C-alpha atoms as a PDB file:
ATOM      1  CA  MET A   1       2.569  -0.096 -24.455  1.00  0.00           C
ATOM      2  CA  THR A   2       1.994   3.653 -24.476  1.00  0.00           C
ATOM      3  CA  MET A   3      -0.935   4.868 -22.433  1.00  0.00           C
ATOM      4  CA  ALA A   4      -2.482   7.655 -24.503  1.00  0.00           C
ATOM      5  CA  LEU A   5      -5.293   8.147 -22.012  1.00  0.00           C
ATOM      6  CA  ASP A   6      -5.432  10.377 -18.957  1.00  0.00           C
ATOM      7  CA  ILE A   7      -7.189   8.247 -16.330  1.00  0.00           C
ATOM      8  CA  VAL A   8      -8.345   9.665 -12.993  1.00  0.00           C
ATOM      9  CA  THR A   9      -9.390   7.345 -10.173  1.00  0.00           C
ATOM     10  CA  VAL A  10     -12.331   8.834  -8.263  1.00  0.00           C
ATOM     11  CA  PRO A  11     -13.096   7.370  -4.807  1.00  0.00           C
ATOM     12  CA  CYS A  12     -16.846   7.188  -4.147  1.00  0.00           C
ATOM     13  CA  LEU A  13     -19.096   5.956  -1.327  1.00  0.00           C
ATOM     14  CA  ASN A  14     -17.210   3.800   1.194  1.00  0.00           C
ATOM     15  CA  ASP A  15     -14.960   1.779  -1.095  1.00  0.00           C
ATOM     16  CA  ASN A  16     -16.111   2.255  -4.711  1.00  0.00           C
ATOM     17  CA  TYR A  17     -14.178   3.722  -7.598  1.00  0.00           C
ATOM     18  CA  ALA A  18     -15.397   5.558 -10.663  1.00  0.00           C
ATOM     19  CA  TYR A  19     -13.003   6.569 -13.428  1.00  0.00           C
ATOM     20  CA  LEU A  20     -12.656   9.630 -15.612  1.00  0.00           C
ATOM     21  CA  VAL A  21     -11.001   8.743 -18.911  1.00  0.00           C
ATOM     22  CA  LYS A  22      -9.718  11.557 -21.127  1.00  0.00           C
ATOM     23  CA  ALA A  23      -8.732  10.726 -24.703  1.00  0.00           C
ATOM     24  CA  PRO A  24      -7.903  13.105 -27.559  1.00  0.00           C
ATOM     25  CA  ASP A  25     -11.546  13.044 -28.680  1.00  0.00           C
ATOM     26  CA  GLY A  26     -13.242  13.606 -25.326  1.00  0.00           C
ATOM     27  CA  VAL A  27     -13.874  12.440 -21.777  1.00  0.00           C
ATOM     28  CA  CYS A  28     -15.950   9.510 -20.523  1.00  0.00           C
ATOM     29  CA  ILE A  29     -16.951   8.288 -17.091  1.00  0.00           C
ATOM     30  CA  ILE A  30     -16.837   4.614 -16.120  1.00  0.00           C
ATOM     31  CA  ASP A  31     -19.593   3.819 -13.598  1.00  0.00           C
ATOM     32  CA  ALA A  32     -21.519   6.223 -11.377  1.00  0.00           C
ATOM     33  CA  PRO A  33     -21.505   5.208  -7.703  1.00  0.00           C
ATOM     34  CA  GLU A  34     -22.334   8.782  -6.647  1.00  0.00           C
ATOM     35  CA  ALA A  35     -22.261  12.068  -8.509  1.00  0.00           C
ATOM     36  CA  ALA A  36     -20.576  14.641  -6.265  1.00  0.00           C
ATOM     37  CA  PRO A  37     -16.990  13.285  -6.240  1.00  0.00           C
ATOM     38  CA  ILE A  38     -17.093  12.647 -10.002  1.00  0.00           C
ATOM     39  CA  ILE A  39     -18.385  16.144 -10.742  1.00  0.00           C
ATOM     40  CA  ALA A  40     -15.741  17.645  -8.454  1.00  0.00           C
ATOM     41  CA  ALA A  41     -12.935  15.672 -10.104  1.00  0.00           C
ATOM     42  CA  ALA A  42     -14.065  16.679 -13.589  1.00  0.00           C
ATOM     43  CA  GLU A  43     -14.560  20.343 -12.702  1.00  0.00           C
ATOM     44  CA  ALA A  44     -11.186  20.546 -10.988  1.00  0.00           C
ATOM     45  CA  ARG A  45      -9.594  19.610 -14.314  1.00  0.00           C
ATOM     46  CA  GLY A  46     -11.877  21.652 -16.517  1.00  0.00           C
ATOM     47  CA  TRP A  47     -13.153  18.465 -18.160  1.00  0.00           C
ATOM     48  CA  GLU A  48     -16.622  18.069 -19.677  1.00  0.00           C
ATOM     49  CA  PRO A  49     -17.454  14.368 -19.887  1.00  0.00           C
ATOM     50  CA  GLY A  50     -19.651  13.381 -22.806  1.00  0.00           C
ATOM     51  CA  VAL A  51     -20.296   9.687 -22.153  1.00  0.00           C
ATOM     52  CA  LEU A  52     -21.104   7.544 -19.113  1.00  0.00           C
ATOM     53  CA  MET A  53     -20.456   3.807 -19.444  1.00  0.00           C
ATOM     54  CA  ILE A  54     -22.112   1.508 -16.890  1.00  0.00           C
ATOM     55  CA  THR A  55     -20.698  -1.967 -16.194  1.00  0.00           C
ATOM     56  CA  HIS A  56     -23.652  -3.541 -14.371  1.00  0.00           C
ATOM     57  CA  HIS A  57     -26.912  -2.748 -12.618  1.00  0.00           C
ATOM     58  CA  HIS A  58     -25.943  -2.742  -8.935  1.00  0.00           C
ATOM     59  CA  HIS A  59     -26.898   0.492  -7.194  1.00  0.00           C
ATOM     60  CA  ASP A  60     -23.354   1.302  -6.096  1.00  0.00           C
ATOM     61  CA  HIS A  61     -22.432   1.576  -9.790  1.00  0.00           C
ATOM     62  CA  VAL A  62     -25.443   3.551 -11.054  1.00  0.00           C
ATOM     63  CA  GLY A  63     -26.574   5.683  -8.097  1.00  0.00           C
ATOM     64  CA  GLY A  64     -25.126   8.921  -9.467  1.00  0.00           C
ATOM     65  CA  LEU A  65     -26.354   8.493 -13.033  1.00  0.00           C
ATOM     66  CA  ASP A  66     -29.226  10.991 -13.034  1.00  0.00           C
ATOM     67  CA  ALA A  67     -27.253  13.770 -11.349  1.00  0.00           C
ATOM     68  CA  LEU A  68     -24.290  13.247 -13.672  1.00  0.00           C
ATOM     69  CA  LYS A  69     -26.518  13.302 -16.727  1.00  0.00           C
ATOM     70  CA  SER A  70     -28.170  16.485 -15.468  1.00  0.00           C
ATOM     71  CA  ARG A  71     -24.812  18.173 -14.893  1.00  0.00           C
ATOM     72  CA  PHE A  72     -23.008  17.126 -18.066  1.00  0.00           C
ATOM     73  CA  GLY A  73     -25.724  16.135 -20.559  1.00  0.00           C
ATOM     74  CA  LEU A  74     -24.086  12.747 -20.933  1.00  0.00           C
ATOM     75  CA  MET A  75     -24.848   9.980 -23.386  1.00  0.00           C
ATOM     76  CA  THR A  76     -25.386   6.967 -21.136  1.00  0.00           C
ATOM     77  CA  MET A  77     -24.744   3.361 -22.107  1.00  0.00           C
ATOM     78  CA  GLY A  78     -24.568  -0.044 -20.504  1.00  0.00           C
ATOM     79  CA  PRO A  79     -25.206  -3.751 -21.059  1.00  0.00           C
ATOM     80  CA  ALA A  80     -28.306  -4.626 -23.084  1.00  0.00           C
ATOM     81  CA  ALA A  81     -28.598  -7.871 -21.122  1.00  0.00           C
ATOM     82  CA  GLU A  82     -29.366  -5.844 -17.981  1.00  0.00           C
ATOM     83  CA  LYS A  83     -31.723  -3.318 -19.583  1.00  0.00           C
ATOM     84  CA  ALA A  84     -34.648  -4.307 -17.380  1.00  0.00           C
ATOM     85  CA  ARG A  85     -32.606  -3.751 -14.214  1.00  0.00           C
ATOM     86  CA  LEU A  86     -30.743  -0.570 -15.193  1.00  0.00           C
ATOM     87  CA  PRO A  87     -32.009   3.006 -15.082  1.00  0.00           C
ATOM     88  CA  PRO A  88     -33.094   4.151 -18.551  1.00  0.00           C
ATOM     89  CA  LEU A  89     -30.024   4.578 -20.770  1.00  0.00           C
ATOM     90  CA  ASP A  90     -29.493   6.183 -24.161  1.00  0.00           C
ATOM     91  CA  HIS A  91     -27.739   3.214 -25.701  1.00  0.00           C
ATOM     92  CA  TYR A  92     -27.535  -0.482 -24.850  1.00  0.00           C
ATOM     93  CA  LEU A  93     -24.402  -2.479 -25.590  1.00  0.00           C
ATOM     94  CA  ASN A  94     -23.968  -6.066 -26.696  1.00  0.00           C
ATOM     95  CA  PRO A  95     -20.783  -8.090 -26.273  1.00  0.00           C
ATOM     96  CA  GLY A  96     -18.242  -7.171 -28.933  1.00  0.00           C
ATOM     97  CA  ASP A  97     -19.715  -3.735 -29.632  1.00  0.00           C
ATOM     98  CA  THR A  98     -17.003  -1.166 -30.301  1.00  0.00           C
ATOM     99  CA  GLY A  99     -16.738   2.592 -30.352  1.00  0.00           C
ATOM    100  CA  GLY A 100     -14.196   5.391 -30.381  1.00  0.00           C
ATOM    101  CA  ASP A 101     -11.001   5.821 -32.361  1.00  0.00           C
ATOM    102  CA  GLY A 102      -7.312   5.502 -31.595  1.00  0.00           C
ATOM    103  CA  PRO A 103      -6.607   5.315 -27.852  1.00  0.00           C
ATOM    104  CA  ALA A 104     -10.333   5.777 -27.176  1.00  0.00           C
ATOM    105  CA  HIS A 105     -11.248   2.633 -29.128  1.00  0.00           C
ATOM    106  CA  THR A 106     -13.338   0.551 -26.745  1.00  0.00           C
ATOM    107  CA  ILE A 107     -14.575  -3.027 -26.865  1.00  0.00           C
ATOM    108  CA  ALA A 108     -17.523  -4.107 -24.701  1.00  0.00           C
ATOM    109  CA  MET A 109     -16.636  -7.462 -23.119  1.00  0.00           C
ATOM    110  CA  GLU A 110     -19.175  -9.847 -21.611  1.00  0.00           C
ATOM    111  CA  VAL A 111     -17.866 -10.824 -18.166  1.00  0.00           C
ATOM    112  CA  GLY A 112     -20.955 -12.194 -16.433  1.00  0.00           C
ATOM    113  CA  GLY A 113     -20.946 -14.019 -13.127  1.00  0.00           C
ATOM    114  CA  HIS A 114     -21.211 -11.293 -10.506  1.00  0.00           C
ATOM    115  CA  THR A 115     -24.316 -10.210 -12.423  1.00  0.00           C
ATOM    116  CA  LEU A 116     -25.604 -12.006 -15.493  1.00  0.00           C
ATOM    117  CA  GLY A 117     -24.862  -9.214 -17.964  1.00  0.00           C
ATOM    118  CA  HIS A 118     -21.812  -7.589 -16.367  1.00  0.00           C
ATOM    119  CA  MET A 119     -19.562  -5.876 -18.919  1.00  0.00           C
ATOM    120  CA  ALA A 120     -15.928  -4.796 -18.886  1.00  0.00           C
ATOM    121  CA  PHE A 121     -14.668  -2.030 -21.164  1.00  0.00           C
ATOM    122  CA  HIS A 122     -11.393  -2.757 -22.933  1.00  0.00           C
ATOM    123  CA  PHE A 123      -9.515   0.197 -24.399  1.00  0.00           C
ATOM    124  CA  ASP A 124      -7.416  -2.120 -26.511  1.00  0.00           C
ATOM    125  CA  GLN A 125      -5.257   0.499 -28.254  1.00  0.00           C
ATOM    126  CA  ALA A 126      -4.370   2.131 -24.937  1.00  0.00           C
ATOM    127  CA  GLY A 127      -3.821  -1.030 -22.889  1.00  0.00           C
ATOM    128  CA  ALA A 128      -6.511  -0.481 -20.258  1.00  0.00           C
ATOM    129  CA  VAL A 129      -9.525  -2.486 -19.127  1.00  0.00           C
ATOM    130  CA  PHE A 130     -12.216  -1.380 -16.677  1.00  0.00           C
ATOM    131  CA  THR A 131     -13.483  -4.492 -14.929  1.00  0.00           C
ATOM    132  CA  ALA A 132     -15.671  -3.175 -12.051  1.00  0.00           C
ATOM    133  CA  ASP A 133     -16.772  -6.240 -10.051  1.00  0.00           C
ATOM    134  CA  SER A 134     -15.511  -8.998 -12.346  1.00  0.00           C
ATOM    135  CA  LEU A 135     -11.702  -9.132 -12.082  1.00  0.00           C
ATOM    136  CA  MET A 136     -10.525  -7.268  -8.986  1.00  0.00           C
ATOM    137  CA  ALA A 137      -7.110  -6.734  -7.421  1.00  0.00           C
ATOM    138  CA  PHE A 138      -6.143 -10.107  -5.875  1.00  0.00           C
ATOM    139  CA  GLY A 139      -9.747 -11.217  -6.342  1.00  0.00           C
ATOM    140  CA  CYS A 140     -12.985 -11.370  -8.284  1.00  0.00           C
ATOM    141  CA  GLY A 141     -16.553 -10.374  -7.588  1.00  0.00           C
ATOM    142  CA  ARG A 142     -18.843 -12.585  -5.586  1.00  0.00           C
ATOM    143  CA  VAL A 143     -20.969 -14.786  -7.846  1.00  0.00           C
ATOM    144  CA  PHE A 144     -24.420 -13.371  -7.128  1.00  0.00           C
ATOM    145  CA  GLU A 145     -26.419 -14.093 -10.289  1.00  0.00           C
ATOM    146  CA  GLY A 146     -24.309 -16.254 -12.563  1.00  0.00           C
ATOM    147  CA  THR A 147     -22.526 -19.545 -12.047  1.00  0.00           C
ATOM    148  CA  TYR A 148     -18.985 -20.408 -11.048  1.00  0.00           C
ATOM    149  CA  ASP A 149     -18.380 -21.680 -14.574  1.00  0.00           C
ATOM    150  CA  GLN A 150     -19.601 -18.376 -16.024  1.00  0.00           C
ATOM    151  CA  MET A 151     -17.298 -16.366 -13.775  1.00  0.00           C
ATOM    152  CA  PHE A 152     -14.408 -18.722 -14.535  1.00  0.00           C
ATOM    153  CA  ASP A 153     -14.941 -18.196 -18.270  1.00  0.00           C
ATOM    154  CA  SER A 154     -15.189 -14.426 -17.796  1.00  0.00           C
ATOM    155  CA  LEU A 155     -11.903 -14.328 -15.912  1.00  0.00           C
ATOM    156  CA  ARG A 156     -10.253 -16.467 -18.589  1.00  0.00           C
ATOM    157  CA  LYS A 157     -11.251 -13.852 -21.189  1.00  0.00           C
ATOM    158  CA  LEU A 158      -9.704 -11.109 -19.105  1.00  0.00           C
ATOM    159  CA  ALA A 159      -6.597 -13.162 -18.348  1.00  0.00           C
ATOM    160  CA  ALA A 160      -6.059 -13.601 -22.091  1.00  0.00           C
ATOM    161  CA  LEU A 161      -5.628  -9.848 -22.661  1.00  0.00           C
ATOM    162  CA  PRO A 162      -2.050  -8.602 -23.203  1.00  0.00           C
ATOM    163  CA  PRO A 163      -0.205  -8.943 -19.876  1.00  0.00           C
ATOM    164  CA  ASP A 164       0.853  -5.282 -19.835  1.00  0.00           C
ATOM    165  CA  THR A 165      -2.825  -4.211 -19.812  1.00  0.00           C
ATOM    166  CA  MET A 166      -3.718  -2.021 -16.834  1.00  0.00           C
ATOM    167  CA  VAL A 167      -6.729  -3.329 -14.911  1.00  0.00           C
ATOM    168  CA  TYR A 168      -9.000  -0.765 -13.241  1.00  0.00           C
ATOM    169  CA  SER A 169     -11.511  -2.411 -10.919  1.00  0.00           C
ATOM    170  CA  GLY A 170     -14.450  -1.036  -9.005  1.00  0.00           C
ATOM    171  CA  HIS A 171     -13.663  -1.389  -5.295  1.00  0.00           C
ATOM    172  CA  GLU A 172     -10.839  -0.910  -2.815  1.00  0.00           C
ATOM    173  CA  TYR A 173     -10.918  -4.511  -1.615  1.00  0.00           C
ATOM    174  CA  THR A 174      -7.230  -5.187  -2.201  1.00  0.00           C
ATOM    175  CA  ALA A 175      -6.035  -5.530   1.393  1.00  0.00           C
ATOM    176  CA  ALA A 176      -8.821  -7.933   2.353  1.00  0.00           C
ATOM    177  CA  ASN A 177      -8.346  -9.908  -0.861  1.00  0.00           C
ATOM    178  CA  ALA A 178      -4.619 -10.101  -0.155  1.00  0.00           C
ATOM    179  CA  LYS A 179      -5.179 -11.769   3.225  1.00  0.00           C
ATOM    180  CA  PHE A 180      -7.280 -14.418   1.559  1.00  0.00           C
ATOM    181  CA  ALA A 181      -4.837 -14.910  -1.330  1.00  0.00           C
ATOM    182  CA  LEU A 182      -2.113 -15.773   1.196  1.00  0.00           C
ATOM    183  CA  THR A 183      -4.244 -18.642   2.509  1.00  0.00           C
ATOM    184  CA  ILE A 184      -4.281 -20.165  -0.977  1.00  0.00           C
ATOM    185  CA  GLU A 185      -0.630 -19.638  -1.928  1.00  0.00           C
ATOM    186  CA  PRO A 186       1.367 -18.847   1.209  1.00  0.00           C
ATOM    187  CA  GLN A 187       4.623 -19.766  -0.551  1.00  0.00           C
ATOM    188  CA  ASN A 188       4.140 -17.452  -3.559  1.00  0.00           C
ATOM    189  CA  GLU A 189       7.031 -14.969  -3.335  1.00  0.00           C
ATOM    190  CA  ALA A 190       5.485 -12.558  -5.850  1.00  0.00           C
ATOM    191  CA  LEU A 191       2.297 -12.533  -3.783  1.00  0.00           C
ATOM    192  CA  ILE A 192       4.141 -11.952  -0.498  1.00  0.00           C
ATOM    193  CA  SER A 193       6.076  -9.053  -2.007  1.00  0.00           C
ATOM    194  CA  ARG A 194       2.988  -7.456  -3.523  1.00  0.00           C
ATOM    195  CA  VAL A 195       1.043  -7.758  -0.263  1.00  0.00           C
ATOM    196  CA  GLU A 196       3.732  -5.715   1.485  1.00  0.00           C
ATOM    197  CA  ALA A 197       3.563  -3.075  -1.242  1.00  0.00           C
ATOM    198  CA  VAL A 198      -0.217  -2.891  -0.866  1.00  0.00           C
ATOM    199  CA  LYS A 199       0.076  -2.462   2.893  1.00  0.00           C
ATOM    200  CA  ALA A 200       2.420   0.480   2.387  1.00  0.00           C
ATOM    201  CA  ALA A 201       0.172   2.037  -0.251  1.00  0.00           C
ATOM    202  CA  ARG A 202      -2.939   1.756   1.890  1.00  0.00           C
ATOM    203  CA  ALA A 203      -1.097   3.171   4.918  1.00  0.00           C
ATOM    204  CA  ALA A 204      -0.446   6.213   2.722  1.00  0.00           C
ATOM    205  CA  ASN A 205      -4.130   6.198   1.611  1.00  0.00           C
ATOM    206  CA  ARG A 206      -3.194   5.462  -1.984  1.00  0.00           C
ATOM    207  CA  PRO A 207      -5.625   3.427  -4.135  1.00  0.00           C
ATOM    208  CA  THR A 208      -4.512  -0.108  -4.984  1.00  0.00           C
ATOM    209  CA  ALA A 209      -7.333  -1.433  -7.197  1.00  0.00           C
ATOM    210  CA  GLN A 210      -5.450  -0.394 -10.339  1.00  0.00           C
ATOM    211  CA  VAL A 211      -2.825  -2.944 -11.349  1.00  0.00           C
ATOM    212  CA  ARG A 212      -1.079  -4.428 -14.358  1.00  0.00           C
ATOM    213  CA  LEU A 213      -2.597  -7.714 -15.540  1.00  0.00           C
ATOM    214  CA  SER A 214       0.808  -9.419 -15.406  1.00  0.00           C
ATOM    215  CA  GLU A 215       0.855  -8.859 -11.629  1.00  0.00           C
ATOM    216  CA  GLU A 216      -2.617 -10.325 -11.316  1.00  0.00           C
ATOM    217  CA  LEU A 217      -1.574 -13.378 -13.303  1.00  0.00           C
ATOM    218  CA  ASP A 218       1.277 -13.926 -10.842  1.00  0.00           C
ATOM    219  CA  THR A 219      -0.625 -13.274  -7.613  1.00  0.00           C
ATOM    220  CA  ASN A 220      -4.421 -13.447  -7.957  1.00  0.00           C
ATOM    221  CA  PRO A 221      -5.607 -16.922  -6.865  1.00  0.00           C
ATOM    222  CA  PHE A 222      -8.727 -16.645  -9.036  1.00  0.00           C
ATOM    223  CA  LEU A 223      -6.508 -16.435 -12.127  1.00  0.00           C
ATOM    224  CA  ARG A 224      -4.260 -19.276 -10.951  1.00  0.00           C
ATOM    225  CA  SER A 225      -6.607 -22.253 -10.608  1.00  0.00           C
ATOM    226  CA  HIS A 226      -4.665 -23.935 -13.447  1.00  0.00           C
ATOM    227  CA  VAL A 227      -1.383 -23.791 -11.497  1.00  0.00           C
ATOM    228  CA  PRO A 228      -0.467 -27.253 -10.131  1.00  0.00           C
ATOM    229  CA  GLN A 229       0.817 -25.832  -6.831  1.00  0.00           C
ATOM    230  CA  VAL A 230      -2.518 -24.112  -6.205  1.00  0.00           C
ATOM    231  CA  ALA A 231      -4.437 -27.345  -6.786  1.00  0.00           C
ATOM    232  CA  GLU A 232      -1.972 -29.196  -4.548  1.00  0.00           C
ATOM    233  CA  ASN A 233      -2.356 -26.614  -1.773  1.00  0.00           C
ATOM    234  CA  LEU A 234      -6.116 -27.269  -1.862  1.00  0.00           C
ATOM    235  CA  GLY A 235      -5.753 -31.055  -2.027  1.00  0.00           C
ATOM    236  CA  MET A 236      -7.285 -31.001  -5.516  1.00  0.00           C
ATOM    237  CA  GLN A 237      -4.538 -32.509  -7.672  1.00  0.00           C
ATOM    238  CA  GLY A 238      -5.880 -33.696 -11.018  1.00  0.00           C
ATOM    239  CA  VAL A 239      -9.078 -31.647 -10.706  1.00  0.00           C
ATOM    240  CA  SER A 240     -10.087 -29.276 -13.519  1.00  0.00           C
ATOM    241  CA  PRO A 241      -9.105 -25.605 -13.195  1.00  0.00           C
ATOM    242  CA  ALA A 242     -12.804 -24.671 -13.259  1.00  0.00           C
ATOM    243  CA  GLU A 243     -13.477 -26.853 -10.228  1.00  0.00           C
ATOM    244  CA  VAL A 244     -10.426 -25.492  -8.431  1.00  0.00           C
ATOM    245  CA  PHE A 245     -11.674 -21.971  -9.169  1.00  0.00           C
ATOM    246  CA  ALA A 246     -15.098 -22.801  -7.727  1.00  0.00           C
ATOM    247  CA  GLU A 247     -13.505 -24.106  -4.539  1.00  0.00           C
ATOM    248  CA  ILE A 248     -11.394 -20.939  -4.200  1.00  0.00           C
ATOM    249  CA  ARG A 249     -14.517 -18.804  -4.660  1.00  0.00           C
ATOM    250  CA  ARG A 250     -16.424 -20.828  -2.051  1.00  0.00           C
ATOM    251  CA  ARG A 251     -13.566 -20.417   0.400  1.00  0.00           C
ATOM    252  CA  LYS A 252     -13.480 -16.677  -0.205  1.00  0.00           C
ATOM    253  CA  ASP A 253     -17.218 -16.435   0.409  1.00  0.00           C
ATOM    254  CA  ALA A 254     -16.700 -18.015   3.849  1.00  0.00           C
ATOM    255  CA  PHE A 255     -13.449 -16.183   4.651  1.00  0.00           C
END
C-alpha cells in the first residue's frame, strides 16, 4: 500500500507521542500532549496545521490544545462521547464519521476501554491508523473506564484492519511491553526477534511505537488471545478468547 501521507512523530512529555500528518490538502495534528514540541516540529518544516484531532480526554493527550489553537488557529475535534470531559472543541465526532479526501480520508473508530469514548483515526486510503492508548506496540492501554470485554472488542476492530496498515500509538512503552509479552509467549520466534530489534532501536533513541499491524498480529499478546498456544501457556485451554484476553490484561496490570 502506498503511503501518500508525510507523518512526523513528535515526542512530548516523558513518553508521549503526537503526530503531524501532512496530506495534499493540508496538515493535521493527532493529540496534543504539550504544545512546544509540536509547534517546533511544524515550524521547522514550514507547515501550518489546520486541524487538531483528539483521541480521548486524558490530560497527557489534550494539555497543549489551547496553545496550539492560539498558534495555528486550528479546528479542534474529538469524541462526542467524551464531550463533558474534554476541553471545549469546535466539532464532536461520532463513531463512523468521516472526513477528508484521497489519502486524507479519515474514519473515526470507536475503541473504548481505556476511556469510555476513546477514538482511533483510520486513514484508510493511506494505510495508517492512530490508536493513542487503545492498541499499542506489544500492548494495549490499561482498562481505566471501560470493561475488558469492551477493550477486547475494540482491539478486534483494529486487528481486522488490513495487515499492512501502519499503527501509530501514543506512548513509548514498547520496551516494557516487550518484557511482559515474553512472559506470555516465550517460545514465539517472531516476538523474540522483534524484541531484539526494539532494544537496538531504543539504544539508538529511535521511536518504536509505530509498527505495521501484521507485526502486532504476530507478536502482541493482546491480539493473540485466540491462539491455542497462548491459552495453553496460561493454563486456559478451551476458554474463550475474551476471557484469555482479560487474564492477560490482569497479568499486565500486576507486572
